């Protein structure tokens, strides 16, 4: 029997408290104020799941997780991050990444950073 998605997230967040310092070197700094802000927001709010694949969160450093997502309209990614999303195989994205204090603009900056990070790794893999 599979654990509900919220249990998976709770276990993942508990695991994250056991790690001393996550290696943020994989999360490259990209140029531009918007992406710099997005990176800071992503590290503070999104990295806990998207950095480790908790609850099926797509990892931006894994090109196979992102190639199809980047083909979608960005508005789809924004909508799923803002309003939450239940995907196939018991994956889920909590509304506003679980932080109700984030504005739509902040969520979009974090999504833009994650998409740019994924693009960076896709291009790097092609070289």
N, C-alpha and C. Protein backbone atom coordinates (compact mmCIF):
# COMPACT_ATOMS: atom_id res chain seq x y z
N UNK A 1 0.85 -1.18 0.00
CA UNK A 1 0.00 0.00 0.00
C UNK A 1 0.89 1.24 0.00
N UNK A 2 0.59 2.17 -0.88
CA UNK A 2 1.38 3.40 -0.98
C UNK A 2 0.91 4.42 0.03
N UNK A 3 1.87 5.19 0.54
CA UNK A 3 1.54 6.26 1.48
C UNK A 3 0.92 7.41 0.72
N UNK A 4 -0.02 8.11 1.31
CA UNK A 4 -0.58 9.30 0.65
C UNK A 4 0.53 10.32 0.39
N UNK A 5 0.32 11.15 -0.61
CA UNK A 5 1.34 12.12 -1.02
C UNK A 5 1.78 13.01 0.13
N UNK A 6 0.85 13.43 0.99
CA UNK A 6 1.23 14.31 2.09
C UNK A 6 2.17 13.60 3.06
N UNK A 7 1.97 12.30 3.26
CA UNK A 7 2.88 11.53 4.12
C UNK A 7 4.26 11.47 3.51
N UNK A 8 4.31 11.31 2.20
CA UNK A 8 5.59 11.27 1.50
C UNK A 8 6.31 12.59 1.68
N UNK A 9 5.59 13.69 1.55
CA UNK A 9 6.21 15.01 1.72
C UNK A 9 6.70 15.17 3.16
N UNK A 10 5.89 14.78 4.11
CA UNK A 10 6.31 14.91 5.51
C UNK A 10 7.57 14.10 5.77
N UNK A 11 7.64 12.88 5.23
CA UNK A 11 8.83 12.07 5.41
C UNK A 11 10.03 12.73 4.74
N UNK A 12 9.81 13.29 3.57
CA UNK A 12 10.89 13.97 2.85
C UNK A 12 11.39 15.18 3.60
N UNK A 13 10.47 15.95 4.15
CA UNK A 13 10.87 17.13 4.91
C UNK A 13 11.60 16.73 6.18
N UNK A 14 11.15 15.64 6.81
CA UNK A 14 11.85 15.14 7.98
C UNK A 14 13.26 14.72 7.60
N UNK A 15 13.41 14.02 6.48
CA UNK A 15 14.73 13.61 6.00
C UNK A 15 15.61 14.82 5.77
N UNK A 16 15.04 15.88 5.20
CA UNK A 16 15.81 17.08 4.91
C UNK A 16 16.37 17.70 6.20
N UNK A 17 15.68 17.56 7.31
CA UNK A 17 16.20 18.11 8.55
C UNK A 17 17.40 17.33 9.05
N UNK A 18 17.59 16.11 8.55
CA UNK A 18 18.73 15.30 8.95
C UNK A 18 20.00 15.66 8.19
N UNK A 19 19.84 16.30 7.03
CA UNK A 19 21.02 16.68 6.27
C UNK A 19 21.60 17.96 6.82
N UNK A 20 22.90 18.06 6.82
CA UNK A 20 23.55 19.23 7.40
C UNK A 20 23.39 20.43 6.49
N UNK A 21 23.97 20.36 5.31
CA UNK A 21 23.87 21.44 4.34
C UNK A 21 23.69 20.82 2.97
N UNK A 22 22.65 21.19 2.28
CA UNK A 22 22.46 20.69 0.92
C UNK A 22 23.52 21.32 0.03
N UNK A 23 24.01 20.56 -0.92
CA UNK A 23 25.01 21.07 -1.85
C UNK A 23 24.29 21.91 -2.90
N UNK A 24 24.40 23.22 -2.78
CA UNK A 24 23.69 24.09 -3.72
C UNK A 24 24.52 24.39 -4.97
N UNK A 25 25.70 23.76 -5.10
CA UNK A 25 26.52 24.02 -6.29
C UNK A 25 25.84 23.54 -7.57
N UNK A 26 24.94 22.58 -7.46
CA UNK A 26 24.21 22.11 -8.63
C UNK A 26 23.19 23.15 -9.10
N UNK A 27 22.87 24.09 -8.23
CA UNK A 27 21.88 25.11 -8.53
C UNK A 27 22.60 26.36 -9.00
N UNK A 28 23.01 26.33 -10.23
CA UNK A 28 23.83 27.40 -10.79
C UNK A 28 23.13 28.75 -10.69
N UNK A 29 23.94 29.79 -10.55
CA UNK A 29 23.41 31.14 -10.55
C UNK A 29 23.32 31.60 -11.99
N UNK A 30 22.15 32.01 -12.38
CA UNK A 30 21.91 32.45 -13.76
C UNK A 30 21.79 33.97 -13.78
N UNK A 31 22.10 34.55 -14.90
CA UNK A 31 22.15 36.01 -15.00
C UNK A 31 20.77 36.63 -15.03
N UNK A 32 20.69 37.80 -14.46
CA UNK A 32 19.46 38.59 -14.47
C UNK A 32 18.83 38.65 -13.10
N UNK A 33 18.32 39.82 -12.77
CA UNK A 33 17.72 40.05 -11.46
C UNK A 33 16.55 39.10 -11.20
N UNK A 34 15.71 38.87 -12.22
CA UNK A 34 14.54 38.00 -12.07
C UNK A 34 14.97 36.58 -11.71
N UNK A 35 15.99 36.05 -12.40
CA UNK A 35 16.44 34.69 -12.12
C UNK A 35 17.22 34.61 -10.81
N UNK A 36 17.89 35.67 -10.43
CA UNK A 36 18.57 35.70 -9.13
C UNK A 36 17.54 35.65 -8.00
N UNK A 37 16.48 36.44 -8.16
CA UNK A 37 15.40 36.41 -7.17
C UNK A 37 14.73 35.03 -7.18
N UNK A 38 14.50 34.49 -8.37
CA UNK A 38 13.87 33.17 -8.50
C UNK A 38 14.70 32.09 -7.83
N UNK A 39 16.03 32.17 -7.97
CA UNK A 39 16.91 31.19 -7.35
C UNK A 39 16.80 31.25 -5.82
N UNK A 40 16.81 32.45 -5.28
CA UNK A 40 16.70 32.61 -3.82
C UNK A 40 15.36 32.05 -3.32
N UNK A 41 14.29 32.36 -4.03
CA UNK A 41 12.97 31.84 -3.66
C UNK A 41 12.92 30.32 -3.80
N UNK A 42 13.51 29.82 -4.87
CA UNK A 42 13.52 28.38 -5.13
C UNK A 42 14.28 27.65 -4.03
N UNK A 43 15.45 28.17 -3.65
CA UNK A 43 16.24 27.53 -2.59
C UNK A 43 15.49 27.52 -1.27
N UNK A 44 14.77 28.59 -0.98
CA UNK A 44 14.06 28.70 0.29
C UNK A 44 12.76 27.91 0.33
N UNK A 45 12.14 27.69 -0.83
CA UNK A 45 10.79 27.13 -0.83
C UNK A 45 10.61 25.86 -1.66
N UNK A 46 11.43 25.62 -2.65
CA UNK A 46 11.18 24.56 -3.62
C UNK A 46 12.22 23.45 -3.60
N UNK A 47 13.44 23.80 -3.25
CA UNK A 47 14.56 22.88 -3.33
C UNK A 47 14.35 21.64 -2.46
N UNK A 48 13.66 21.77 -1.36
CA UNK A 48 13.43 20.64 -0.47
C UNK A 48 12.75 19.47 -1.15
N UNK A 49 11.87 19.74 -2.09
CA UNK A 49 11.22 18.66 -2.85
C UNK A 49 11.87 18.49 -4.23
N UNK A 50 12.03 19.60 -4.96
CA UNK A 50 12.54 19.51 -6.33
C UNK A 50 14.03 19.19 -6.41
N UNK A 51 14.75 19.37 -5.33
CA UNK A 51 16.16 19.00 -5.32
C UNK A 51 16.38 17.52 -5.10
N UNK A 52 15.34 16.82 -4.61
CA UNK A 52 15.48 15.42 -4.22
C UNK A 52 14.40 14.52 -4.79
N UNK A 53 13.43 15.07 -5.50
CA UNK A 53 12.37 14.26 -6.09
C UNK A 53 11.31 13.82 -5.11
N UNK A 54 11.14 14.53 -4.00
CA UNK A 54 10.14 14.19 -3.00
C UNK A 54 8.75 14.27 -3.63
N UNK A 55 7.92 13.26 -3.37
CA UNK A 55 6.54 13.18 -3.88
C UNK A 55 6.49 13.28 -5.40
N UNK A 56 7.56 12.82 -6.05
CA UNK A 56 7.60 12.82 -7.51
C UNK A 56 7.94 14.17 -8.13
N UNK A 57 8.43 15.10 -7.32
CA UNK A 57 8.78 16.43 -7.84
C UNK A 57 9.87 16.29 -8.90
N UNK A 58 9.68 16.88 -10.08
CA UNK A 58 10.70 16.79 -11.11
C UNK A 58 11.96 17.57 -10.72
N UNK A 59 13.09 16.92 -10.88
CA UNK A 59 14.38 17.50 -10.49
C UNK A 59 14.96 18.24 -11.69
N UNK A 60 15.23 19.53 -11.57
CA UNK A 60 15.71 20.30 -12.72
C UNK A 60 17.08 19.86 -13.25
N UNK A 61 17.87 19.19 -12.44
CA UNK A 61 19.18 18.72 -12.91
C UNK A 61 19.07 17.42 -13.69
N UNK A 62 17.87 16.86 -13.77
CA UNK A 62 17.63 15.62 -14.52
C UNK A 62 16.85 15.96 -15.79
N UNK A 63 17.55 16.04 -16.93
CA UNK A 63 16.89 16.44 -18.17
C UNK A 63 15.66 15.60 -18.52
N UNK A 64 15.66 14.32 -18.17
CA UNK A 64 14.50 13.49 -18.51
C UNK A 64 13.26 13.91 -17.72
N UNK A 65 13.44 14.53 -16.57
CA UNK A 65 12.30 15.03 -15.79
C UNK A 65 11.68 16.28 -16.41
N UNK A 66 12.47 17.02 -17.21
CA UNK A 66 12.03 18.35 -17.62
C UNK A 66 11.80 18.55 -19.11
N UNK A 67 12.32 17.70 -19.96
CA UNK A 67 12.20 17.92 -21.41
C UNK A 67 10.74 18.14 -21.82
N UNK A 68 9.84 17.27 -21.37
CA UNK A 68 8.42 17.41 -21.77
C UNK A 68 7.76 18.60 -21.07
N UNK A 69 8.16 18.89 -19.87
CA UNK A 69 7.56 20.02 -19.14
C UNK A 69 7.91 21.35 -19.81
N UNK A 70 9.13 21.45 -20.32
CA UNK A 70 9.55 22.69 -20.96
C UNK A 70 8.86 22.93 -22.30
N UNK A 71 8.26 21.89 -22.86
CA UNK A 71 7.50 22.04 -24.11
C UNK A 71 6.11 22.63 -23.86
N UNK A 72 5.68 22.61 -22.61
CA UNK A 72 4.37 23.17 -22.26
C UNK A 72 4.44 24.69 -22.21
N UNK A 73 3.30 25.30 -22.33
CA UNK A 73 3.22 26.74 -22.12
C UNK A 73 3.65 27.04 -20.69
N UNK A 74 4.39 28.08 -20.50
CA UNK A 74 4.85 28.43 -19.15
C UNK A 74 3.66 28.66 -18.23
N UNK A 75 2.54 29.13 -18.78
CA UNK A 75 1.35 29.37 -17.96
C UNK A 75 0.86 28.09 -17.28
N UNK A 76 1.08 26.93 -17.89
CA UNK A 76 0.69 25.66 -17.27
C UNK A 76 1.54 25.42 -16.03
N UNK A 77 2.84 25.65 -16.15
CA UNK A 77 3.72 25.47 -14.99
C UNK A 77 3.38 26.46 -13.88
N UNK A 78 3.10 27.70 -14.26
CA UNK A 78 2.70 28.71 -13.26
C UNK A 78 1.43 28.26 -12.54
N UNK A 79 0.44 27.85 -13.31
CA UNK A 79 -0.84 27.45 -12.74
C UNK A 79 -0.68 26.30 -11.75
N UNK A 80 0.11 25.31 -12.13
CA UNK A 80 0.31 24.15 -11.25
C UNK A 80 1.06 24.53 -9.99
N UNK A 81 2.01 25.45 -10.09
CA UNK A 81 2.76 25.88 -8.91
C UNK A 81 1.90 26.76 -8.00
N UNK A 82 1.06 27.57 -8.58
CA UNK A 82 0.21 28.48 -7.79
C UNK A 82 -0.97 27.74 -7.17
N UNK A 83 -1.64 26.91 -7.97
CA UNK A 83 -2.88 26.27 -7.52
C UNK A 83 -2.73 24.84 -7.05
N UNK A 84 -1.56 24.27 -7.21
CA UNK A 84 -1.34 22.88 -6.83
C UNK A 84 -1.73 21.95 -7.97
N UNK A 85 -1.26 20.71 -7.86
CA UNK A 85 -1.49 19.76 -8.95
C UNK A 85 -1.27 18.35 -8.44
N UNK A 86 -2.19 17.46 -8.79
CA UNK A 86 -2.02 16.04 -8.55
C UNK A 86 -1.74 15.39 -9.88
N UNK A 87 -0.58 14.77 -10.00
CA UNK A 87 -0.18 14.16 -11.25
C UNK A 87 -0.31 12.65 -11.21
N UNK A 88 0.19 12.01 -12.25
CA UNK A 88 0.13 10.55 -12.31
C UNK A 88 1.02 9.92 -11.25
N UNK A 89 0.73 8.70 -10.93
CA UNK A 89 1.56 7.92 -10.00
C UNK A 89 1.69 8.57 -8.63
N UNK A 90 0.61 9.16 -8.15
CA UNK A 90 0.57 9.77 -6.82
C UNK A 90 1.56 10.92 -6.63
N UNK A 91 1.93 11.59 -7.71
CA UNK A 91 2.76 12.77 -7.57
C UNK A 91 1.87 13.95 -7.22
N UNK A 92 2.45 14.93 -6.56
CA UNK A 92 1.65 16.11 -6.24
C UNK A 92 2.53 17.32 -6.03
N UNK A 93 1.96 18.44 -6.39
CA UNK A 93 2.59 19.75 -6.17
C UNK A 93 1.64 20.51 -5.26
N UNK A 94 2.06 20.82 -4.03
CA UNK A 94 1.14 21.56 -3.16
C UNK A 94 0.95 23.00 -3.64
N UNK A 95 -0.21 23.52 -3.37
CA UNK A 95 -0.51 24.90 -3.72
C UNK A 95 0.56 25.83 -3.14
N UNK A 96 1.10 26.70 -4.01
CA UNK A 96 2.13 27.67 -3.63
C UNK A 96 3.34 27.00 -2.97
N UNK A 97 3.60 25.76 -3.37
CA UNK A 97 4.73 25.04 -2.82
C UNK A 97 4.62 24.85 -1.32
N UNK A 98 3.41 24.94 -0.80
CA UNK A 98 3.20 24.80 0.63
C UNK A 98 3.43 26.07 1.42
N UNK A 99 3.72 27.17 0.75
CA UNK A 99 3.95 28.45 1.44
C UNK A 99 2.90 29.46 0.98
N UNK A 100 1.80 29.60 1.73
CA UNK A 100 0.72 30.49 1.31
C UNK A 100 1.11 31.96 1.28
N UNK A 101 2.27 32.30 1.83
CA UNK A 101 2.71 33.70 1.86
C UNK A 101 3.39 34.15 0.58
N UNK A 102 3.67 33.21 -0.34
CA UNK A 102 4.32 33.59 -1.59
C UNK A 102 3.30 34.23 -2.54
N UNK A 103 3.69 35.32 -3.15
CA UNK A 103 2.83 35.98 -4.14
C UNK A 103 2.92 35.24 -5.47
N UNK A 104 1.98 35.51 -6.35
CA UNK A 104 2.03 34.92 -7.69
C UNK A 104 3.34 35.28 -8.39
N UNK A 105 3.76 36.52 -8.23
CA UNK A 105 5.00 36.99 -8.87
C UNK A 105 6.20 36.21 -8.34
N UNK A 106 6.24 35.95 -7.05
CA UNK A 106 7.34 35.17 -6.47
C UNK A 106 7.32 33.73 -6.97
N UNK A 107 6.14 33.15 -7.03
CA UNK A 107 6.01 31.77 -7.54
C UNK A 107 6.51 31.72 -8.98
N UNK A 108 6.10 32.68 -9.79
CA UNK A 108 6.51 32.69 -11.20
C UNK A 108 8.03 32.85 -11.33
N UNK A 109 8.64 33.66 -10.47
CA UNK A 109 10.10 33.81 -10.50
C UNK A 109 10.78 32.49 -10.16
N UNK A 110 10.26 31.78 -9.17
CA UNK A 110 10.83 30.48 -8.80
C UNK A 110 10.66 29.47 -9.93
N UNK A 111 9.49 29.47 -10.57
CA UNK A 111 9.25 28.57 -11.71
C UNK A 111 10.19 28.93 -12.86
N UNK A 112 10.35 30.21 -13.12
CA UNK A 112 11.25 30.64 -14.20
C UNK A 112 12.69 30.20 -13.92
N UNK A 113 13.11 30.32 -12.66
CA UNK A 113 14.46 29.86 -12.33
C UNK A 113 14.57 28.34 -12.54
N UNK A 114 13.59 27.59 -12.06
CA UNK A 114 13.66 26.14 -12.19
C UNK A 114 13.65 25.73 -13.66
N UNK A 115 12.86 26.38 -14.48
CA UNK A 115 12.83 26.08 -15.91
C UNK A 115 14.17 26.45 -16.56
N UNK A 116 14.74 27.57 -16.16
CA UNK A 116 16.05 27.97 -16.71
C UNK A 116 17.14 27.01 -16.25
N UNK A 117 17.07 26.56 -15.00
CA UNK A 117 18.04 25.59 -14.50
C UNK A 117 17.92 24.27 -15.26
N UNK A 118 16.71 23.83 -15.48
CA UNK A 118 16.50 22.60 -16.25
C UNK A 118 17.03 22.76 -17.67
N UNK A 119 16.79 23.90 -18.30
CA UNK A 119 17.29 24.18 -19.64
C UNK A 119 18.82 24.14 -19.65
N UNK A 120 19.43 24.71 -18.64
CA UNK A 120 20.89 24.68 -18.51
C UNK A 120 21.40 23.24 -18.52
N UNK A 121 20.77 22.38 -17.73
CA UNK A 121 21.22 20.98 -17.66
C UNK A 121 20.90 20.20 -18.93
N UNK A 122 19.81 20.51 -19.58
CA UNK A 122 19.50 19.86 -20.87
C UNK A 122 20.56 20.23 -21.90
N UNK A 123 20.90 21.52 -21.97
CA UNK A 123 21.92 21.96 -22.93
C UNK A 123 23.28 21.39 -22.60
N UNK A 124 23.59 21.30 -21.33
CA UNK A 124 24.88 20.75 -20.89
C UNK A 124 25.00 19.27 -21.28
N UNK A 125 23.90 18.54 -21.18
CA UNK A 125 23.90 17.12 -21.53
C UNK A 125 24.15 16.92 -23.02
N UNK A 126 23.66 17.86 -23.83
CA UNK A 126 23.82 17.75 -25.30
C UNK A 126 25.25 17.96 -25.75
N UNK A 127 26.05 18.62 -24.95
CA UNK A 127 27.44 18.93 -25.35
C UNK A 127 28.32 17.72 -25.32
